[in-house]
Amino acid sequence: MTVSRYFTITSRPEGLPSPDVFSLEEMELPALGDGELHVRNLWLSVDPYMRNRMDGVKTYIEPFDLNAPLEGAALGEVVESRDERFKPGDKVRHMAGWRDEAHVSADSVERLPDLDVPLQTYLGVLGMPGMTAWTGLNTIAGLGSDDTVLVSAASGAVGSLAVQLAHQKGCRVVGTAGSDEKCDWLKSLGVSPVNHHQSAEALTKAIKAAAPQGIDVYFENVGGPMLDAGLASMNDYGRIAVCGMISRYNSASAEGPANIAMVLTKRMRMQGFIVLEHWADYQKFIEEAGPLVAAGKVEYQESVFDGLEATPEAFLSLFESGTYAGKRLVRL
C-alpha cells in the first residue's frame, strides 16, 4: 500500500490567503493502471498563477477544486511503470505537485533534457519560468539587439532570466526590484536597477534616468503603478509582453492604468501570453539557454523550502516583498 500526502484548499480565499486555507491530507493510491506511472516527487514548484486558480473562476485554466489535491509543476523519480517508454529510476517533470507520491498518466509527463545541471533547474531557469522569459522576449516582443528593454520584478524567477537573455543579446536593460539587495544583484549582471516600491511618477523618472532614450520592449510581471510607469516610458511602436500582474492577484478592486491611452497615441503593441500555449518551442529555448546555464553563464537564484509541510509557506512567500529571491522551490 502506498499512501500519498497532498495539500488541498478548504475554502476560497479573499485577498492574501491565510495558512489555515491549506490542509494536508492523505490517501491510499490505487493499483497502477496501464499507461500510468508511480512517481515519487523530489522537487515541487510554487508559482504566482496558482493564486488565481484558488478563486473558483475559470480563466485560461480550470480553478482548483475545494478539498481536492492541488496541482503544480514537480520533478520526480519513476518508482513503478506500466508504460514501456519509462522505467524505474527515470526522472520526469509533471503537474501532480503539492504532494509527495503520485500516479500520473505517462502521456502527461516529460522526460528531462540531458544537461549537466542541477535537477531543480528544470523547474526554474530551465523550466516554466525560464521558458516564459524566452517566449515573452522572442515570440511575443520580437526582441532585437538594438532594443532598450524594461523588465519588472527583474530579480524573480522569470524576470531574472529575461534581463540576462536581453543583456546577452546586446540590449540596454533596465530591471526593477523591491529591495536594495536585489537591485545590487541586478547591477552585478549589467542591468540598470530601479526600486519599484515607488509611485508611478517616481518610477517614471527613475526609468527615464536609467534609459533616457526610452523603452522599446517592456516585459510586464507586476501591473499597478509599475504598468503606469512602463507605459509612460515607452517609445513609439514599443512592444509590451504581459506575463503577469502580481500586484492584482490578492486584490478585488485593482484599477487599470490611468494612462492606458498611450497604447494608442504611441502606437504600441501590448500582448498577454500563456507560456503553455508556446510549449512546442521548448526545445528551441533549451538549445539557447541550456548551454548557457550549464556553462555558468547565466546566474539564477533559488529560495528552497524543505519538506512537503513547507509548501504553503513557500507559496505565500511569493507575495512577500524583499524577503526571498528567485525561484521558490520545495525540496522533498
C-alpha atoms as a PDB file:
ATOM      1  CA  MET A   1       0.000   0.000   0.000  1.00  0.00           C
ATOM      2  CA  THR A   2       1.304   3.453  -0.959  1.00  0.00           C
ATOM      3  CA  VAL A   3      -0.023   6.493   0.835  1.00  0.00           C
ATOM      4  CA  SER A   4       0.127   9.905  -0.853  1.00  0.00           C
ATOM      5  CA  ARG A   5       0.172  13.049   1.267  1.00  0.00           C
ATOM      6  CA  TYR A   6      -1.184  16.109  -0.511  1.00  0.00           C
ATOM      7  CA  PHE A   7      -2.397  19.642   0.105  1.00  0.00           C
ATOM      8  CA  THR A   8      -5.889  20.962  -0.584  1.00  0.00           C
ATOM      9  CA  ILE A   9      -7.616  24.273  -0.044  1.00  0.00           C
ATOM     10  CA  THR A  10     -10.730  24.099   2.127  1.00  0.00           C
ATOM     11  CA  SER A  11     -12.243  27.490   1.197  1.00  0.00           C
ATOM     12  CA  ARG A  12     -11.906  30.257  -1.394  1.00  0.00           C
ATOM     13  CA  PRO A  13      -9.502  32.891  -0.039  1.00  0.00           C
ATOM     14  CA  GLU A  14     -10.250  36.587  -0.178  1.00  0.00           C
ATOM     15  CA  GLY A  15      -7.156  38.698  -0.574  1.00  0.00           C
ATOM     16  CA  LEU A  16      -3.893  37.135   0.536  1.00  0.00           C
ATOM     17  CA  PRO A  17      -4.594  33.518   1.555  1.00  0.00           C
ATOM     18  CA  SER A  18      -4.016  32.654   5.193  1.00  0.00           C
ATOM     19  CA  PRO A  19      -2.124  29.465   6.100  1.00  0.00           C
ATOM     20  CA  ASP A  20      -5.290  27.855   7.508  1.00  0.00           C
ATOM     21  CA  VAL A  21      -6.817  27.762   3.997  1.00  0.00           C
ATOM     22  CA  PHE A  22      -4.459  24.852   3.265  1.00  0.00           C
ATOM     23  CA  SER A  23      -4.997  21.361   4.636  1.00  0.00           C
ATOM     24  CA  LEU A  24      -2.549  18.443   4.500  1.00  0.00           C
ATOM     25  CA  GLU A  25      -4.417  15.220   3.746  1.00  0.00           C
ATOM     26  CA  GLU A  26      -3.518  11.678   2.778  1.00  0.00           C
ATOM     27  CA  MET A  27      -4.983   8.944   0.624  1.00  0.00           C
ATOM     28  CA  GLU A  28      -4.133   5.403  -0.372  1.00  0.00           C
ATOM     29  CA  LEU A  29      -3.136   5.216  -4.012  1.00  0.00           C
ATOM     30  CA  PRO A  30      -4.957   2.581  -6.098  1.00  0.00           C
ATOM     31  CA  ALA A  31      -3.215  -0.101  -8.120  1.00  0.00           C
ATOM     32  CA  LEU A  32      -1.292   1.303 -11.066  1.00  0.00           C
ATOM     33  CA  GLY A  33      -3.226   1.118 -14.344  1.00  0.00           C
ATOM     34  CA  ASP A  34      -1.965   0.539 -17.870  1.00  0.00           C
ATOM     35  CA  GLY A  35      -0.185   3.612 -19.249  1.00  0.00           C
ATOM     36  CA  GLU A  36       0.410   5.028 -15.767  1.00  0.00           C
ATOM     37  CA  LEU A  37       3.480   5.806 -13.703  1.00  0.00           C
ATOM     38  CA  HIS A  38       4.007   5.883  -9.958  1.00  0.00           C
ATOM     39  CA  VAL A  39       6.242   8.895  -9.324  1.00  0.00           C
ATOM     40  CA  ARG A  40       7.912   9.873  -6.061  1.00  0.00           C
ATOM     41  CA  ASN A  41       8.303  13.636  -6.091  1.00  0.00           C
ATOM     42  CA  LEU A  42      11.693  15.172  -5.356  1.00  0.00           C
ATOM     43  CA  TRP A  43      11.057  18.876  -6.032  1.00  0.00           C
ATOM     44  CA  LEU A  44       7.880  20.963  -6.135  1.00  0.00           C
ATOM     45  CA  SER A  45       7.287  24.345  -7.757  1.00  0.00           C
ATOM     46  CA  VAL A  46       5.027  27.096  -6.431  1.00  0.00           C
ATOM     47  CA  ASP A  47       4.115  29.934  -8.784  1.00  0.00           C
ATOM     48  CA  PRO A  48       2.041  33.143  -8.657  1.00  0.00           C
ATOM     49  CA  TYR A  49      -0.556  31.911 -11.205  1.00  0.00           C
ATOM     50  CA  MET A  50      -1.731  29.362  -8.617  1.00  0.00           C
ATOM     51  CA  ARG A  51      -3.357  32.185  -6.651  1.00  0.00           C
ATOM     52  CA  ASN A  52      -5.860  32.838  -9.464  1.00  0.00           C
ATOM     53  CA  ARG A  53      -6.795  29.144  -9.543  1.00  0.00           C
ATOM     54  CA  MET A  54      -7.898  29.392  -5.908  1.00  0.00           C
ATOM     55  CA  ASP A  55     -10.712  31.849  -6.705  1.00  0.00           C
ATOM     56  CA  GLY A  56     -13.043  29.281  -8.240  1.00  0.00           C
ATOM     57  CA  VAL A  57     -13.324  31.165 -11.537  1.00  0.00           C
ATOM     58  CA  LYS A  58     -12.077  29.744 -14.823  1.00  0.00           C
ATOM     59  CA  THR A  59      -9.575  31.960 -16.613  1.00  0.00           C
ATOM     60  CA  TYR A  60      -7.144  30.373 -19.074  1.00  0.00           C
ATOM     61  CA  ILE A  61      -7.031  27.328 -16.800  1.00  0.00           C
ATOM     62  CA  GLU A  62      -9.544  25.479 -14.646  1.00  0.00           C
ATOM     63  CA  PRO A  63      -9.747  26.583 -10.994  1.00  0.00           C
ATOM     64  CA  PHE A  64      -8.661  24.360  -8.155  1.00  0.00           C
ATOM     65  CA  ASP A  65     -11.433  22.227  -6.664  1.00  0.00           C
ATOM     66  CA  LEU A  66     -12.002  22.570  -2.936  1.00  0.00           C
ATOM     67  CA  ASN A  67     -10.795  19.617  -0.840  1.00  0.00           C
ATOM     68  CA  ALA A  68      -9.055  18.033  -3.843  1.00  0.00           C
ATOM     69  CA  PRO A  69      -5.291  17.685  -4.398  1.00  0.00           C
ATOM     70  CA  LEU A  70      -3.734  20.919  -5.612  1.00  0.00           C
ATOM     71  CA  GLU A  71      -1.653  20.828  -8.780  1.00  0.00           C
ATOM     72  CA  GLY A  72       1.605  22.329  -9.923  1.00  0.00           C
ATOM     73  CA  ALA A  73       4.855  21.541 -11.646  1.00  0.00           C
ATOM     74  CA  ALA A  74       7.002  18.896  -9.972  1.00  0.00           C
ATOM     75  CA  LEU A  75      10.065  16.768 -10.622  1.00  0.00           C
ATOM     76  CA  GLY A  76      10.089  13.176  -9.556  1.00  0.00           C
ATOM     77  CA  GLU A  77      11.557   9.711  -9.963  1.00  0.00           C
ATOM     78  CA  VAL A  78       9.596   6.890 -11.534  1.00  0.00           C
ATOM     79  CA  VAL A  79       9.112   4.153  -8.923  1.00  0.00           C
ATOM     80  CA  GLU A  80       6.878   1.868 -10.978  1.00  0.00           C
ATOM     81  CA  SER A  81       5.900   1.963 -14.642  1.00  0.00           C
ATOM     82  CA  ARG A  82       3.075   0.452 -16.644  1.00  0.00           C
ATOM     83  CA  ASP A  83       4.274   2.142 -19.835  1.00  0.00           C
ATOM     84  CA  GLU A  84       7.129   0.840 -21.966  1.00  0.00           C
ATOM     85  CA  ARG A  85       8.502   4.368 -22.540  1.00  0.00           C
ATOM     86  CA  PHE A  86       9.560   4.758 -18.910  1.00  0.00           C
ATOM     87  CA  LYS A  87      11.363   2.627 -16.389  1.00  0.00           C
ATOM     88  CA  PRO A  88      12.013   2.871 -12.628  1.00  0.00           C
ATOM     89  CA  GLY A  89      14.683   5.463 -11.903  1.00  0.00           C
ATOM     90  CA  ASP A  90      13.754   7.788 -14.767  1.00  0.00           C
ATOM     91  CA  LYS A  91      13.485  11.451 -13.761  1.00  0.00           C
ATOM     92  CA  VAL A  92      10.412  13.229 -15.112  1.00  0.00           C
ATOM     93  CA  ARG A  93       8.562  16.551 -14.937  1.00  0.00           C
ATOM     94  CA  HIS A  94       4.788  16.585 -14.464  1.00  0.00           C
ATOM     95  CA  MET A  95       1.925  18.613 -12.958  1.00  0.00           C
ATOM     96  CA  ALA A  96       0.998  16.480  -9.925  1.00  0.00           C
ATOM     97  CA  GLY A  97       2.685  18.765  -7.428  1.00  0.00           C
ATOM     98  CA  TRP A  98       1.680  19.760  -3.873  1.00  0.00           C
ATOM     99  CA  ARG A  99       2.120  16.073  -2.883  1.00  0.00           C
ATOM    100  CA  ASP A 100       4.825  13.531  -2.217  1.00  0.00           C
ATOM    101  CA  GLU A 101       3.638  10.485  -4.217  1.00  0.00           C
ATOM    102  CA  ALA A 102       1.548  10.492  -7.386  1.00  0.00           C
ATOM    103  CA  HIS A 103       0.041   8.259 -10.025  1.00  0.00           C
ATOM    104  CA  VAL A 104       0.156  10.042 -13.381  1.00  0.00           C
ATOM    105  CA  SER A 105      -0.544   9.209 -16.991  1.00  0.00           C
ATOM    106  CA  ALA A 106       2.661   8.545 -18.917  1.00  0.00           C
ATOM    107  CA  ASP A 107       1.311  10.809 -21.655  1.00  0.00           C
ATOM    108  CA  SER A 108       1.294  13.747 -19.212  1.00  0.00           C
ATOM    109  CA  VAL A 109       4.956  13.650 -18.156  1.00  0.00           C
ATOM    110  CA  GLU A 110       8.092  14.999 -19.800  1.00  0.00           C
ATOM    111  CA  ARG A 111      11.459  13.323 -19.903  1.00  0.00           C
ATOM    112  CA  LEU A 112      14.130  15.820 -18.838  1.00  0.00           C
ATOM    113  CA  PRO A 113      16.811  17.139 -21.205  1.00  0.00           C
ATOM    114  CA  ASP A 114      20.276  15.625 -20.852  1.00  0.00           C
ATOM    115  CA  LEU A 115      22.282  18.558 -19.472  1.00  0.00           C
ATOM    116  CA  ASP A 116      24.861  18.807 -16.712  1.00  0.00           C
ATOM    117  CA  VAL A 117      22.739  20.997 -14.438  1.00  0.00           C
ATOM    118  CA  PRO A 118      21.138  20.545 -11.005  1.00  0.00           C
ATOM    119  CA  LEU A 119      17.835  18.702 -11.252  1.00  0.00           C
ATOM    120  CA  GLN A 120      15.768  21.542  -9.803  1.00  0.00           C
ATOM    121  CA  THR A 121      16.746  23.930 -12.591  1.00  0.00           C
ATOM    122  CA  TYR A 122      14.106  22.170 -14.719  1.00  0.00           C
ATOM    123  CA  LEU A 123      11.503  23.844 -12.502  1.00  0.00           C
ATOM    124  CA  GLY A 124      13.202  27.235 -12.611  1.00  0.00           C
ATOM    125  CA  VAL A 125      15.669  28.732 -15.041  1.00  0.00           C
ATOM    126  CA  LEU A 126      15.261  25.779 -17.465  1.00  0.00           C
ATOM    127  CA  GLY A 127      11.618  25.152 -16.644  1.00  0.00           C
ATOM    128  CA  MET A 128       8.405  27.106 -17.000  1.00  0.00           C
ATOM    129  CA  PRO A 129       9.828  30.402 -15.615  1.00  0.00           C
ATOM    130  CA  GLY A 130      12.782  30.333 -17.991  1.00  0.00           C
ATOM    131  CA  MET A 131      10.636  29.331 -20.936  1.00  0.00           C
ATOM    132  CA  THR A 132       8.270  32.188 -20.043  1.00  0.00           C
ATOM    133  CA  ALA A 133      11.107  34.710 -20.145  1.00  0.00           C
ATOM    134  CA  TRP A 134      12.371  33.429 -23.501  1.00  0.00           C
ATOM    135  CA  THR A 135       8.874  33.325 -25.027  1.00  0.00           C
ATOM    136  CA  GLY A 136       7.926  36.821 -23.892  1.00  0.00           C
ATOM    137  CA  LEU A 137      11.088  38.380 -25.273  1.00  0.00           C
ATOM    138  CA  ASN A 138      11.333  36.480 -28.530  1.00  0.00           C
ATOM    139  CA  THR A 139       7.948  35.184 -29.639  1.00  0.00           C
ATOM    140  CA  ILE A 140       5.790  37.984 -28.217  1.00  0.00           C
ATOM    141  CA  ALA A 141       8.018  41.074 -28.258  1.00  0.00           C
ATOM    142  CA  GLY A 142      10.292  40.196 -31.184  1.00  0.00           C
ATOM    143  CA  LEU A 143      13.417  41.299 -29.314  1.00  0.00           C
ATOM    144  CA  GLY A 144      16.219  42.854 -31.354  1.00  0.00           C
ATOM    145  CA  SER A 145      19.800  43.613 -30.337  1.00  0.00           C
ATOM    146  CA  ASP A 146      19.235  47.370 -30.657  1.00  0.00           C
ATOM    147  CA  ASP A 147      16.284  47.429 -28.250  1.00  0.00           C
ATOM    148  CA  THR A 148      16.205  49.032 -24.830  1.00  0.00           C
ATOM    149  CA  VAL A 149      14.373  46.662 -22.510  1.00  0.00           C
ATOM    150  CA  LEU A 150      12.492  47.175 -19.246  1.00  0.00           C
ATOM    151  CA  VAL A 151      11.698  44.158 -17.042  1.00  0.00           C
ATOM    152  CA  SER A 152       9.591  44.484 -13.901  1.00  0.00           C
ATOM    153  CA  ALA A 153      10.187  42.121 -10.958  1.00  0.00           C
ATOM    154  CA  ALA A 154      13.557  41.532 -12.569  1.00  0.00           C
ATOM    155  CA  SER A 155      15.054  39.558  -9.679  1.00  0.00           C
ATOM    156  CA  GLY A 156      12.257  36.979  -9.745  1.00  0.00           C
ATOM    157  CA  ALA A 157      12.276  33.565 -11.350  1.00  0.00           C
ATOM    158  CA  VAL A 158      11.041  34.867 -14.725  1.00  0.00           C
ATOM    159  CA  GLY A 159      12.440  38.384 -14.730  1.00  0.00           C
ATOM    160  CA  SER A 160      15.977  37.369 -13.772  1.00  0.00           C
ATOM    161  CA  LEU A 161      16.381  35.273 -16.909  1.00  0.00           C
ATOM    162  CA  ALA A 162      14.605  37.851 -19.076  1.00  0.00           C
ATOM    163  CA  VAL A 163      17.134  40.558 -18.160  1.00  0.00           C
ATOM    164  CA  GLN A 164      20.076  38.218 -18.776  1.00  0.00           C
ATOM    165  CA  LEU A 165      18.833  36.970 -22.145  1.00  0.00           C
ATOM    166  CA  ALA A 166      18.252  40.565 -23.238  1.00  0.00           C
ATOM    167  CA  HIS A 167      21.660  41.678 -21.944  1.00  0.00           C
ATOM    168  CA  GLN A 168      23.456  38.816 -23.700  1.00  0.00           C
ATOM    169  CA  LYS A 169      21.739  39.836 -26.941  1.00  0.00           C
ATOM    170  CA  GLY A 170      23.346  43.259 -26.636  1.00  0.00           C
ATOM    171  CA  CYS A 171      20.328  45.198 -25.399  1.00  0.00           C
ATOM    172  CA  ARG A 172      20.377  48.046 -22.900  1.00  0.00           C
ATOM    173  CA  VAL A 173      18.406  46.622 -19.937  1.00  0.00           C
ATOM    174  CA  VAL A 174      16.576  48.246 -17.031  1.00  0.00           C
ATOM    175  CA  GLY A 175      15.199  45.996 -14.295  1.00  0.00           C
ATOM    176  CA  THR A 176      13.019  46.774 -11.307  1.00  0.00           C
ATOM    177  CA  ALA A 177      13.166  45.023  -7.935  1.00  0.00           C
ATOM    178  CA  GLY A 178      11.873  45.521  -4.430  1.00  0.00           C
ATOM    179  CA  SER A 179      14.980  45.885  -2.253  1.00  0.00           C
ATOM    180  CA  ASP A 180      18.456  47.386  -2.317  1.00  0.00           C
ATOM    181  CA  GLU A 181      19.979  43.902  -2.148  1.00  0.00           C
ATOM    182  CA  LYS A 182      18.051  42.753  -5.215  1.00  0.00           C
ATOM    183  CA  CYS A 183      18.920  45.944  -7.072  1.00  0.00           C
ATOM    184  CA  ASP A 184      22.612  45.392  -6.273  1.00  0.00           C
ATOM    185  CA  TRP A 185      22.357  41.874  -7.708  1.00  0.00           C
ATOM    186  CA  LEU A 186      20.806  43.218 -10.906  1.00  0.00           C
ATOM    187  CA  LYS A 187      23.591  45.782 -11.192  1.00  0.00           C
ATOM    188  CA  SER A 188      26.158  42.958 -10.945  1.00  0.00           C
ATOM    189  CA  LEU A 189      24.517  41.418 -14.037  1.00  0.00           C
ATOM    190  CA  GLY A 190      24.988  44.597 -16.081  1.00  0.00           C
ATOM    191  CA  VAL A 191      21.373  45.689 -15.590  1.00  0.00           C
ATOM    192  CA  SER A 192      20.385  49.239 -14.603  1.00  0.00           C
ATOM    193  CA  PRO A 193      18.319  48.723 -11.435  1.00  0.00           C
ATOM    194  CA  VAL A 194      15.251  50.644 -10.262  1.00  0.00           C
ATOM    195  CA  ASN A 195      13.454  50.057  -6.959  1.00  0.00           C
ATOM    196  CA  HIS A 196       9.797  49.524  -7.866  1.00  0.00           C
ATOM    197  CA  HIS A 197       8.377  50.456  -4.454  1.00  0.00           C
ATOM    198  CA  GLN A 198       7.638  53.991  -5.610  1.00  0.00           C
ATOM    199  CA  SER A 199       4.763  55.948  -7.056  1.00  0.00           C
ATOM    200  CA  ALA A 200       4.143  55.748 -10.782  1.00  0.00           C
ATOM    201  CA  GLU A 201       5.518  59.263 -11.178  1.00  0.00           C
ATOM    202  CA  ALA A 202       8.723  58.480  -9.259  1.00  0.00           C
ATOM    203  CA  LEU A 203       9.154  55.212 -11.171  1.00  0.00           C
ATOM    204  CA  THR A 204       8.796  57.013 -14.483  1.00  0.00           C
ATOM    205  CA  LYS A 205      11.518  59.484 -13.503  1.00  0.00           C
ATOM    206  CA  ALA A 206      13.815  56.674 -12.348  1.00  0.00           C
ATOM    207  CA  ILE A 207      13.323  54.702 -15.569  1.00  0.00           C
ATOM    208  CA  LYS A 208      13.991  57.811 -17.664  1.00  0.00           C
ATOM    209  CA  ALA A 209      17.209  58.431 -15.720  1.00  0.00           C
ATOM    210  CA  ALA A 210      18.302  54.829 -16.373  1.00  0.00           C
ATOM    211  CA  ALA A 211      17.252  54.880 -20.038  1.00  0.00           C
ATOM    212  CA  PRO A 212      16.965  58.432 -21.418  1.00  0.00           C
ATOM    213  CA  GLN A 213      16.471  57.003 -24.898  1.00  0.00           C
ATOM    214  CA  GLY A 214      13.160  55.408 -23.823  1.00  0.00           C
ATOM    215  CA  ILE A 215      11.985  51.804 -23.718  1.00  0.00           C
ATOM    216  CA  ASP A 216      11.353  49.665 -26.798  1.00  0.00           C
ATOM    217  CA  VAL A 217      10.363  46.401 -25.077  1.00  0.00           C
ATOM    218  CA  TYR A 218       8.664  46.075 -21.705  1.00  0.00           C
ATOM    219  CA  PHE A 219       8.376  42.656 -20.044  1.00  0.00           C
ATOM    220  CA  GLU A 220       5.497  43.101 -17.596  1.00  0.00           C
ATOM    221  CA  ASN A 221       5.226  40.999 -14.430  1.00  0.00           C
ATOM    222  CA  VAL A 222       3.715  43.403 -11.894  1.00  0.00           C
ATOM    223  CA  GLY A 223       0.897  45.721 -13.022  1.00  0.00           C
ATOM    224  CA  GLY A 224      -0.335  48.573 -10.808  1.00  0.00           C
ATOM    225  CA  PRO A 225       1.800  51.746 -10.672  1.00  0.00           C
ATOM    226  CA  MET A 226       4.600  49.805 -12.384  1.00  0.00           C
ATOM    227  CA  LEU A 227       2.461  49.431 -15.504  1.00  0.00           C
ATOM    228  CA  ASP A 228       1.604  53.141 -15.473  1.00  0.00           C
ATOM    229  CA  ALA A 229       5.324  53.918 -15.372  1.00  0.00           C
ATOM    230  CA  GLY A 230       6.097  51.371 -18.060  1.00  0.00           C
ATOM    231  CA  LEU A 231       3.522  52.832 -20.437  1.00  0.00           C
ATOM    232  CA  ALA A 232       4.821  56.346 -19.800  1.00  0.00           C
ATOM    233  CA  SER A 233       8.385  55.228 -20.567  1.00  0.00           C
ATOM    234  CA  MET A 234       7.700  53.508 -23.892  1.00  0.00           C
ATOM    235  CA  ASN A 235       8.886  54.725 -27.258  1.00  0.00           C
ATOM    236  CA  ASP A 236       6.569  54.924 -30.246  1.00  0.00           C
ATOM    237  CA  TYR A 237       5.811  51.464 -31.650  1.00  0.00           C
ATOM    238  CA  GLY A 238       7.058  49.826 -28.455  1.00  0.00           C
ATOM    239  CA  ARG A 239       6.115  46.246 -27.603  1.00  0.00           C
ATOM    240  CA  ILE A 240       4.838  45.068 -24.235  1.00  0.00           C
ATOM    241  CA  ALA A 241       4.772  41.366 -23.350  1.00  0.00           C
ATOM    242  CA  VAL A 242       2.351  40.873 -20.465  1.00  0.00           C
ATOM    243  CA  CYS A 243       3.436  37.847 -18.461  1.00  0.00           C
ATOM    244  CA  GLY A 244       1.655  38.561 -15.176  1.00  0.00           C
ATOM    245  CA  MET A 245       0.274  41.237 -12.877  1.00  0.00           C
ATOM    246  CA  ILE A 246       1.099  40.001  -9.414  1.00  0.00           C
ATOM    247  CA  SER A 247       0.014  43.273  -7.797  1.00  0.00           C
ATOM    248  CA  ARG A 248      -3.607  42.350  -8.646  1.00  0.00           C
ATOM    249  CA  TYR A 249      -3.687  38.707  -7.533  1.00  0.00           C
ATOM    250  CA  ASN A 250      -4.815  39.374  -3.969  1.00  0.00           C
ATOM    251  CA  SER A 251      -6.938  42.445  -4.730  1.00  0.00           C
ATOM    252  CA  ALA A 252     -10.608  42.533  -5.651  1.00  0.00           C
ATOM    253  CA  SER A 253     -10.607  46.225  -6.594  1.00  0.00           C
ATOM    254  CA  ALA A 254      -7.404  46.875  -8.540  1.00  0.00           C
ATOM    255  CA  GLU A 255      -7.750  49.674 -11.072  1.00  0.00           C
ATOM    256  CA  GLY A 256      -6.333  49.722 -14.564  1.00  0.00           C
ATOM    257  CA  PRO A 257      -3.547  52.095 -15.611  1.00  0.00           C
ATOM    258  CA  ALA A 258      -4.664  55.713 -15.808  1.00  0.00           C
ATOM    259  CA  ASN A 259      -2.595  56.273 -18.951  1.00  0.00           C
ATOM    260  CA  ILE A 260      -3.735  53.271 -20.996  1.00  0.00           C
ATOM    261  CA  ALA A 261      -4.490  55.679 -23.864  1.00  0.00           C
ATOM    262  CA  MET A 262      -0.735  55.779 -24.516  1.00  0.00           C
ATOM    263  CA  VAL A 263      -1.121  52.405 -26.218  1.00  0.00           C
ATOM    264  CA  LEU A 264      -2.984  54.331 -28.916  1.00  0.00           C
ATOM    265  CA  THR A 265      -1.024  57.568 -29.036  1.00  0.00           C
ATOM    266  CA  LYS A 266       2.333  55.775 -29.139  1.00  0.00           C
ATOM    267  CA  ARG A 267       1.002  53.049 -31.482  1.00  0.00           C
ATOM    268  CA  MET A 268       2.230  50.337 -29.135  1.00  0.00           C
ATOM    269  CA  ARG A 269       1.568  46.623 -29.237  1.00  0.00           C
ATOM    270  CA  MET A 270       0.614  45.095 -25.884  1.00  0.00           C
ATOM    271  CA  GLN A 271       0.026  41.342 -25.793  1.00  0.00           C
ATOM    272  CA  GLY A 272      -0.621  38.921 -22.974  1.00  0.00           C
ATOM    273  CA  PHE A 273       0.569  35.352 -23.315  1.00  0.00           C
ATOM    274  CA  ILE A 274       0.278  31.959 -21.629  1.00  0.00           C
ATOM    275  CA  VAL A 275       3.530  30.043 -21.873  1.00  0.00           C
ATOM    276  CA  LEU A 276       1.879  26.613 -22.089  1.00  0.00           C
ATOM    277  CA  GLU A 277       0.432  27.637 -25.453  1.00  0.00           C
ATOM    278  CA  HIS A 278       4.003  28.025 -26.737  1.00  0.00           C
ATOM    279  CA  TRP A 279       5.462  24.829 -25.245  1.00  0.00           C
ATOM    280  CA  ALA A 280       6.124  23.389 -28.715  1.00  0.00           C
ATOM    281  CA  ASP A 281       9.096  25.806 -28.784  1.00  0.00           C
ATOM    282  CA  TYR A 282      10.606  24.419 -25.562  1.00  0.00           C
ATOM    283  CA  GLN A 283      13.368  22.646 -27.468  1.00  0.00           C
ATOM    284  CA  LYS A 284      14.405  25.947 -29.103  1.00  0.00           C
ATOM    285  CA  PHE A 285      14.580  27.525 -25.654  1.00  0.00           C
ATOM    286  CA  ILE A 286      16.670  24.662 -24.254  1.00  0.00           C
ATOM    287  CA  GLU A 287      19.073  24.819 -27.198  1.00  0.00           C
ATOM    288  CA  GLU A 288      19.694  28.515 -26.465  1.00  0.00           C
ATOM    289  CA  ALA A 289      19.523  28.693 -22.684  1.00  0.00           C
ATOM    290  CA  GLY A 290      20.609  25.188 -21.664  1.00  0.00           C
ATOM    291  CA  PRO A 291      24.288  25.513 -22.642  1.00  0.00           C
ATOM    292  CA  LEU A 292      24.452  28.974 -21.009  1.00  0.00           C
ATOM    293  CA  VAL A 293      23.159  27.606 -17.711  1.00  0.00           C
ATOM    294  CA  ALA A 294      25.384  24.512 -17.871  1.00  0.00           C
ATOM    295  CA  ALA A 295      28.447  26.706 -18.529  1.00  0.00           C
ATOM    296  CA  GLY A 296      27.628  29.052 -15.629  1.00  0.00           C
ATOM    297  CA  LYS A 297      26.994  31.987 -17.976  1.00  0.00           C
ATOM    298  CA  VAL A 298      23.521  32.592 -16.527  1.00  0.00           C
ATOM    299  CA  GLU A 299      23.068  33.415 -12.859  1.00  0.00           C
ATOM    300  CA  TYR A 300      19.924  32.355 -11.066  1.00  0.00           C
ATOM    301  CA  GLN A 301      18.643  32.491  -7.519  1.00  0.00           C
ATOM    302  CA  GLU A 302      16.577  29.952  -5.616  1.00  0.00           C
ATOM    303  CA  SER A 303      14.730  30.087  -2.310  1.00  0.00           C
ATOM    304  CA  VAL A 304      14.404  26.492  -1.138  1.00  0.00           C
ATOM    305  CA  PHE A 305      11.906  25.305   1.477  1.00  0.00           C
ATOM    306  CA  ASP A 306      12.387  21.816   2.902  1.00  0.00           C
ATOM    307  CA  GLY A 307       9.645  19.245   3.347  1.00  0.00           C
ATOM    308  CA  LEU A 308       6.137  18.858   1.958  1.00  0.00           C
ATOM    309  CA  GLU A 309       4.724  20.623   5.014  1.00  0.00           C
ATOM    310  CA  ALA A 310       6.518  23.823   3.949  1.00  0.00           C
ATOM    311  CA  THR A 311       4.687  24.084   0.593  1.00  0.00           C
ATOM    312  CA  PRO A 312       2.057  26.651   1.707  1.00  0.00           C
ATOM    313  CA  GLU A 313       4.786  28.791   3.298  1.00  0.00           C
ATOM    314  CA  ALA A 314       6.778  28.651   0.070  1.00  0.00           C
ATOM    315  CA  PHE A 315       3.714  29.684  -1.927  1.00  0.00           C
ATOM    316  CA  LEU A 316       2.803  32.585   0.363  1.00  0.00           C
ATOM    317  CA  SER A 317       6.400  33.844   0.213  1.00  0.00           C
ATOM    318  CA  LEU A 318       5.733  34.780  -3.417  1.00  0.00           C
ATOM    319  CA  PHE A 319       3.655  37.699  -2.169  1.00  0.00           C
ATOM    320  CA  GLU A 320       6.155  38.966   0.416  1.00  0.00           C
ATOM    321  CA  SER A 321       8.247  41.930  -0.592  1.00  0.00           C
ATOM    322  CA  GLY A 322      12.013  41.749  -0.374  1.00  0.00           C
ATOM    323  CA  THR A 323      12.327  38.670   1.868  1.00  0.00           C
ATOM    324  CA  TYR A 324      13.060  35.911  -0.645  1.00  0.00           C
ATOM    325  CA  ALA A 325      14.730  35.933  -4.053  1.00  0.00           C
ATOM    326  CA  GLY A 326      14.439  33.985  -7.259  1.00  0.00           C
ATOM    327  CA  LYS A 327      12.552  30.763  -7.825  1.00  0.00           C
ATOM    328  CA  ARG A 328      10.585  29.324  -4.895  1.00  0.00           C
ATOM    329  CA  LEU A 329      11.105  25.569  -4.585  1.00  0.00           C
ATOM    330  CA  VAL A 330      10.145  22.845  -2.158  1.00  0.00           C
ATOM    331  CA  ARG A 331      12.645  20.023  -1.663  1.00  0.00           C
ATOM    332  CA  LEU A 332      11.210  16.703  -0.544  1.00  0.00           C
END
